[in-house]
Amino acid sequence: MMMRRVAPPASEDDSSGSGVPGWLEALLGTRFFLACAAHPGSPRNECNMFCIDCRATPAAFCYYCRSHRHTSHRVIQIRRSSYHDVVRVTEVEDVLDIAGVQTYVINSARVLFL
């Protein structure tokens, strides 16, 4: 009898056992583009960054928080396009298999809608 693998094996990043990395579920459940509470008077205080490597609270953070707490981590920048959150394909293709997922070109960058 021949057995066939239907789903990819769960990785150490998989918190739910579904083959989906835990950081991805956290990313999809995070609200972005709020003002950073730690840097309220700074000009670039919009929370549009997400760290793949740690479970920092809050999950969304600004440019200044990245400089202080996430310098050696893998960070994804979230962008806005027509009121939707997107990420550049180049930022996620190394950490997530996006084969078969439709991407779009916006401002000459290939992006993925969240």
N, C-alpha and C. Protein backbone atom coordinates (compact mmCIF):
# COMPACT_ATOMS: atom_id res chain seq x y z
N MET A 1 0.84 -1.17 0.00
CA MET A 1 0.00 0.00 0.00
C MET A 1 0.89 1.24 0.00
N MET A 2 0.58 2.17 -0.87
CA MET A 2 1.37 3.39 -1.00
C MET A 2 0.69 4.54 -0.25
N MET A 3 1.48 5.25 0.58
CA MET A 3 0.92 6.38 1.33
C MET A 3 1.33 7.67 0.67
N ARG A 4 0.46 8.63 0.72
CA ARG A 4 0.70 9.92 0.10
C ARG A 4 0.55 11.01 1.15
N ARG A 5 1.49 11.95 1.18
CA ARG A 5 1.41 13.07 2.10
C ARG A 5 0.47 14.11 1.51
N VAL A 6 -0.49 14.52 2.30
CA VAL A 6 -1.49 15.48 1.85
C VAL A 6 -1.11 16.89 2.27
N ALA A 7 -0.61 17.06 3.45
CA ALA A 7 -0.24 18.38 3.97
C ALA A 7 1.24 18.40 4.28
N PRO A 8 1.86 19.56 4.19
CA PRO A 8 3.27 19.64 4.54
C PRO A 8 3.46 19.35 6.03
N PRO A 9 4.64 18.84 6.41
CA PRO A 9 4.86 18.57 7.82
C PRO A 9 4.85 19.86 8.62
N ALA A 10 4.39 19.78 9.84
CA ALA A 10 4.37 20.96 10.71
C ALA A 10 5.78 21.32 11.11
N SER A 11 6.07 22.60 11.12
CA SER A 11 7.39 23.06 11.52
C SER A 11 7.37 23.45 12.98
N GLU A 12 8.54 23.79 13.53
CA GLU A 12 8.59 24.23 14.91
C GLU A 12 7.87 25.56 15.09
N ASP A 13 7.64 26.28 14.00
CA ASP A 13 6.91 27.54 14.06
C ASP A 13 5.40 27.33 14.08
N ASP A 14 4.97 26.13 13.84
CA ASP A 14 3.55 25.82 13.71
C ASP A 14 2.94 25.66 15.10
N SER A 15 2.11 26.60 15.48
CA SER A 15 1.51 26.54 16.81
C SER A 15 0.18 25.79 16.82
N SER A 16 -0.47 25.67 15.70
CA SER A 16 -1.79 25.07 15.69
C SER A 16 -1.80 23.64 15.18
N GLY A 17 -0.69 23.15 14.64
CA GLY A 17 -0.65 21.81 14.09
C GLY A 17 -1.24 21.73 12.70
N SER A 18 -1.59 22.86 12.09
CA SER A 18 -2.25 22.88 10.80
C SER A 18 -1.28 23.07 9.64
N GLY A 19 0.01 23.24 9.92
CA GLY A 19 0.96 23.53 8.86
C GLY A 19 1.10 25.01 8.60
N VAL A 20 0.34 25.83 9.32
CA VAL A 20 0.39 27.28 9.19
C VAL A 20 1.27 27.82 10.32
N PRO A 21 2.31 28.58 9.99
CA PRO A 21 3.15 29.13 11.06
C PRO A 21 2.35 30.02 12.00
N GLY A 22 2.67 29.96 13.28
CA GLY A 22 1.98 30.76 14.28
C GLY A 22 2.10 32.25 14.02
N TRP A 23 3.25 32.68 13.50
CA TRP A 23 3.43 34.12 13.24
C TRP A 23 2.48 34.60 12.16
N LEU A 24 2.11 33.72 11.20
CA LEU A 24 1.20 34.13 10.14
C LEU A 24 -0.20 34.40 10.69
N GLU A 25 -0.64 33.54 11.59
CA GLU A 25 -1.95 33.76 12.22
C GLU A 25 -1.94 35.06 13.02
N ALA A 26 -0.83 35.32 13.71
CA ALA A 26 -0.71 36.56 14.47
C ALA A 26 -0.71 37.77 13.54
N LEU A 27 0.00 37.67 12.42
CA LEU A 27 0.05 38.75 11.42
C LEU A 27 -1.34 39.07 10.90
N LEU A 28 -2.09 38.05 10.54
CA LEU A 28 -3.41 38.26 9.97
C LEU A 28 -4.42 38.81 10.99
N GLY A 29 -4.15 38.61 12.28
CA GLY A 29 -5.04 39.11 13.32
C GLY A 29 -4.62 40.44 13.91
N THR A 30 -3.59 41.06 13.36
CA THR A 30 -3.06 42.30 13.91
C THR A 30 -3.61 43.52 13.17
N ARG A 31 -3.92 44.56 13.94
CA ARG A 31 -4.35 45.84 13.34
C ARG A 31 -3.11 46.70 13.16
N PHE A 32 -2.96 47.25 11.99
CA PHE A 32 -1.82 48.08 11.65
C PHE A 32 -2.27 49.53 11.41
N PHE A 33 -1.31 50.41 11.31
CA PHE A 33 -1.50 51.82 10.96
C PHE A 33 -2.16 52.63 12.07
N LEU A 34 -1.94 52.22 13.31
CA LEU A 34 -2.34 53.02 14.45
C LEU A 34 -1.11 53.79 14.91
N ALA A 35 -1.28 54.86 15.64
CA ALA A 35 -0.15 55.62 16.18
C ALA A 35 0.51 54.81 17.29
N CYS A 36 1.84 54.83 17.32
CA CYS A 36 2.60 54.10 18.33
C CYS A 36 2.48 54.80 19.67
N ALA A 37 2.09 54.04 20.69
CA ALA A 37 1.94 54.60 22.03
C ALA A 37 3.29 54.96 22.65
N ALA A 38 4.36 54.27 22.25
CA ALA A 38 5.69 54.54 22.81
C ALA A 38 6.35 55.76 22.19
N HIS A 39 5.93 56.16 20.99
CA HIS A 39 6.54 57.29 20.28
C HIS A 39 5.46 58.24 19.74
N PRO A 40 4.63 58.81 20.60
CA PRO A 40 3.49 59.61 20.12
C PRO A 40 3.87 60.90 19.40
N GLY A 41 5.00 61.50 19.71
CA GLY A 41 5.37 62.77 19.09
C GLY A 41 6.32 62.64 17.92
N SER A 42 6.65 61.42 17.54
CA SER A 42 7.61 61.20 16.45
C SER A 42 6.92 61.23 15.10
N PRO A 43 7.63 61.68 14.06
CA PRO A 43 7.00 61.80 12.74
C PRO A 43 6.69 60.46 12.06
N ARG A 44 7.44 59.41 12.32
CA ARG A 44 7.21 58.11 11.68
C ARG A 44 6.71 57.10 12.71
N ASN A 45 5.65 57.45 13.42
CA ASN A 45 5.19 56.60 14.51
C ASN A 45 4.03 55.68 14.13
N GLU A 46 3.80 55.51 12.86
CA GLU A 46 2.73 54.64 12.39
C GLU A 46 3.15 53.18 12.56
N CYS A 47 2.33 52.38 13.21
CA CYS A 47 2.64 50.97 13.46
C CYS A 47 2.37 50.15 12.21
N ASN A 48 3.39 49.99 11.40
CA ASN A 48 3.26 49.24 10.15
C ASN A 48 4.35 48.18 9.99
N MET A 49 4.91 47.71 11.10
CA MET A 49 5.94 46.68 11.08
C MET A 49 5.45 45.48 11.89
N PHE A 50 5.95 44.28 11.51
CA PHE A 50 5.60 43.05 12.21
C PHE A 50 6.83 42.17 12.27
N CYS A 51 7.14 41.63 13.44
CA CYS A 51 8.32 40.78 13.63
C CYS A 51 7.93 39.31 13.53
N ILE A 52 8.63 38.58 12.69
CA ILE A 52 8.40 37.15 12.54
C ILE A 52 9.06 36.37 13.67
N ASP A 53 10.16 36.88 14.19
CA ASP A 53 10.98 36.13 15.13
C ASP A 53 10.55 36.18 16.58
N CYS A 54 9.78 37.16 16.98
CA CYS A 54 9.40 37.22 18.40
C CYS A 54 7.91 37.50 18.52
N ARG A 55 7.42 37.25 19.69
CA ARG A 55 6.00 37.48 19.96
C ARG A 55 5.85 38.75 20.79
N ALA A 56 6.40 39.83 20.28
CA ALA A 56 6.36 41.11 20.99
C ALA A 56 4.94 41.61 21.14
N THR A 57 4.70 42.34 22.21
CA THR A 57 3.40 42.97 22.42
C THR A 57 3.62 44.46 22.50
N PRO A 58 2.98 45.24 21.72
CA PRO A 58 2.00 44.88 20.68
C PRO A 58 2.69 44.29 19.46
N ALA A 59 1.94 43.52 18.67
CA ALA A 59 2.51 42.85 17.51
C ALA A 59 2.89 43.85 16.41
N ALA A 60 2.12 44.91 16.26
CA ALA A 60 2.44 45.96 15.28
C ALA A 60 3.27 47.02 15.99
N PHE A 61 4.32 47.48 15.33
CA PHE A 61 5.17 48.49 15.93
C PHE A 61 5.68 49.44 14.87
N CYS A 62 6.28 50.55 15.31
CA CYS A 62 6.71 51.60 14.39
C CYS A 62 8.20 51.48 14.05
N TYR A 63 8.64 52.37 13.21
CA TYR A 63 10.03 52.45 12.76
C TYR A 63 11.00 52.57 13.93
N TYR A 64 10.65 53.35 14.92
CA TYR A 64 11.54 53.58 16.07
C TYR A 64 11.60 52.35 16.98
N CYS A 65 10.49 51.65 17.15
CA CYS A 65 10.48 50.42 17.93
C CYS A 65 11.36 49.36 17.26
N ARG A 66 11.34 49.33 15.93
CA ARG A 66 12.19 48.38 15.21
C ARG A 66 13.66 48.66 15.50
N SER A 67 14.04 49.91 15.51
CA SER A 67 15.43 50.29 15.77
C SER A 67 15.89 49.87 17.16
N HIS A 68 14.97 49.87 18.12
CA HIS A 68 15.35 49.58 19.50
C HIS A 68 15.25 48.11 19.87
N ARG A 69 14.23 47.41 19.37
CA ARG A 69 13.96 46.05 19.87
C ARG A 69 14.05 44.94 18.84
N HIS A 70 14.12 45.28 17.56
CA HIS A 70 14.05 44.22 16.53
C HIS A 70 15.18 44.33 15.50
N THR A 71 16.33 44.86 15.88
CA THR A 71 17.39 45.12 14.90
C THR A 71 17.90 43.85 14.22
N SER A 72 17.97 42.74 14.92
CA SER A 72 18.50 41.52 14.31
C SER A 72 17.40 40.53 13.94
N HIS A 73 16.15 40.95 14.00
CA HIS A 73 15.02 40.07 13.69
C HIS A 73 14.55 40.23 12.25
N ARG A 74 13.77 39.24 11.80
CA ARG A 74 13.15 39.34 10.48
C ARG A 74 11.84 40.12 10.64
N VAL A 75 11.80 41.28 10.01
CA VAL A 75 10.66 42.19 10.15
C VAL A 75 10.02 42.40 8.79
N ILE A 76 8.70 42.37 8.76
CA ILE A 76 7.93 42.62 7.54
C ILE A 76 7.28 43.98 7.67
N GLN A 77 7.38 44.78 6.62
CA GLN A 77 6.69 46.07 6.62
C GLN A 77 5.35 45.92 5.92
N ILE A 78 4.32 46.36 6.59
CA ILE A 78 2.97 46.31 6.03
C ILE A 78 2.72 47.63 5.32
N ARG A 79 2.12 47.57 4.16
CA ARG A 79 1.84 48.77 3.37
C ARG A 79 0.34 48.84 3.10
N ARG A 80 -0.11 50.01 2.67
CA ARG A 80 -1.53 50.21 2.36
C ARG A 80 -1.69 50.40 0.87
N SER A 81 -2.73 49.78 0.34
CA SER A 81 -3.09 49.96 -1.06
C SER A 81 -4.61 49.94 -1.15
N SER A 82 -5.17 51.04 -1.52
CA SER A 82 -6.63 51.16 -1.63
C SER A 82 -7.33 50.65 -0.37
N TYR A 83 -6.87 51.11 0.78
CA TYR A 83 -7.45 50.77 2.07
C TYR A 83 -7.30 49.30 2.46
N HIS A 84 -6.37 48.59 1.82
CA HIS A 84 -6.10 47.20 2.16
C HIS A 84 -4.65 47.05 2.58
N ASP A 85 -4.39 46.14 3.50
CA ASP A 85 -3.02 45.87 3.94
C ASP A 85 -2.37 44.89 2.96
N VAL A 86 -1.14 45.22 2.57
CA VAL A 86 -0.38 44.38 1.66
C VAL A 86 1.04 44.24 2.17
N VAL A 87 1.73 43.19 1.70
CA VAL A 87 3.16 43.02 1.96
C VAL A 87 3.84 42.76 0.64
N ARG A 88 5.08 43.17 0.54
CA ARG A 88 5.85 42.89 -0.68
C ARG A 88 6.21 41.42 -0.72
N VAL A 89 6.09 40.85 -1.91
CA VAL A 89 6.41 39.44 -2.10
C VAL A 89 7.86 39.17 -1.69
N THR A 90 8.77 40.08 -1.99
CA THR A 90 10.18 39.87 -1.65
C THR A 90 10.41 39.74 -0.15
N GLU A 91 9.52 40.28 0.67
CA GLU A 91 9.68 40.20 2.12
C GLU A 91 9.14 38.91 2.71
N VAL A 92 8.23 38.22 2.03
CA VAL A 92 7.64 37.01 2.60
C VAL A 92 7.98 35.73 1.86
N GLU A 93 8.51 35.82 0.65
CA GLU A 93 8.72 34.60 -0.13
C GLU A 93 9.77 33.68 0.46
N ASP A 94 10.69 34.20 1.28
CA ASP A 94 11.71 33.36 1.90
C ASP A 94 11.21 32.65 3.15
N VAL A 95 10.14 33.13 3.76
CA VAL A 95 9.64 32.55 5.00
C VAL A 95 8.29 31.88 4.85
N LEU A 96 7.68 32.01 3.68
CA LEU A 96 6.35 31.46 3.47
C LEU A 96 6.20 31.01 2.02
N ASP A 97 5.66 29.82 1.83
CA ASP A 97 5.42 29.31 0.48
C ASP A 97 4.16 29.97 -0.08
N ILE A 98 4.35 30.85 -1.05
CA ILE A 98 3.20 31.56 -1.62
C ILE A 98 2.91 31.09 -3.05
N ALA A 99 3.44 29.94 -3.41
CA ALA A 99 3.14 29.37 -4.72
C ALA A 99 1.63 29.13 -4.81
N GLY A 100 1.02 29.56 -5.86
CA GLY A 100 -0.41 29.39 -6.04
C GLY A 100 -1.24 30.52 -5.46
N VAL A 101 -0.60 31.51 -4.85
CA VAL A 101 -1.31 32.65 -4.30
C VAL A 101 -1.20 33.80 -5.30
N GLN A 102 -2.31 34.43 -5.61
CA GLN A 102 -2.28 35.50 -6.58
C GLN A 102 -1.62 36.74 -6.00
N THR A 103 -0.69 37.31 -6.76
CA THR A 103 -0.02 38.54 -6.36
C THR A 103 -0.41 39.64 -7.34
N TYR A 104 -0.12 40.86 -6.95
CA TYR A 104 -0.46 42.02 -7.78
C TYR A 104 0.76 42.93 -7.87
N VAL A 105 0.81 43.74 -8.92
CA VAL A 105 1.86 44.74 -9.04
C VAL A 105 1.25 46.10 -8.73
N ILE A 106 1.79 46.74 -7.70
CA ILE A 106 1.34 48.06 -7.29
C ILE A 106 2.56 48.93 -7.15
N ASN A 107 2.57 50.05 -7.85
CA ASN A 107 3.74 50.95 -7.85
C ASN A 107 5.03 50.20 -8.17
N SER A 108 4.97 49.37 -9.16
CA SER A 108 6.08 48.56 -9.69
C SER A 108 6.66 47.57 -8.68
N ALA A 109 5.92 47.24 -7.63
CA ALA A 109 6.35 46.23 -6.67
C ALA A 109 5.30 45.12 -6.63
N ARG A 110 5.74 43.87 -6.64
CA ARG A 110 4.81 42.75 -6.54
C ARG A 110 4.41 42.60 -5.08
N VAL A 111 3.09 42.61 -4.82
CA VAL A 111 2.57 42.56 -3.45
C VAL A 111 1.56 41.44 -3.29
N LEU A 112 1.30 41.15 -2.02
CA LEU A 112 0.35 40.12 -1.63
C LEU A 112 -0.63 40.77 -0.66
N PHE A 113 -1.91 40.66 -0.93
CA PHE A 113 -2.93 41.22 -0.03
C PHE A 113 -3.07 40.32 1.19
N LEU A 114 -3.20 40.92 2.36
CA LEU A 114 -3.39 40.14 3.60
C LEU A 114 -4.86 39.81 3.80
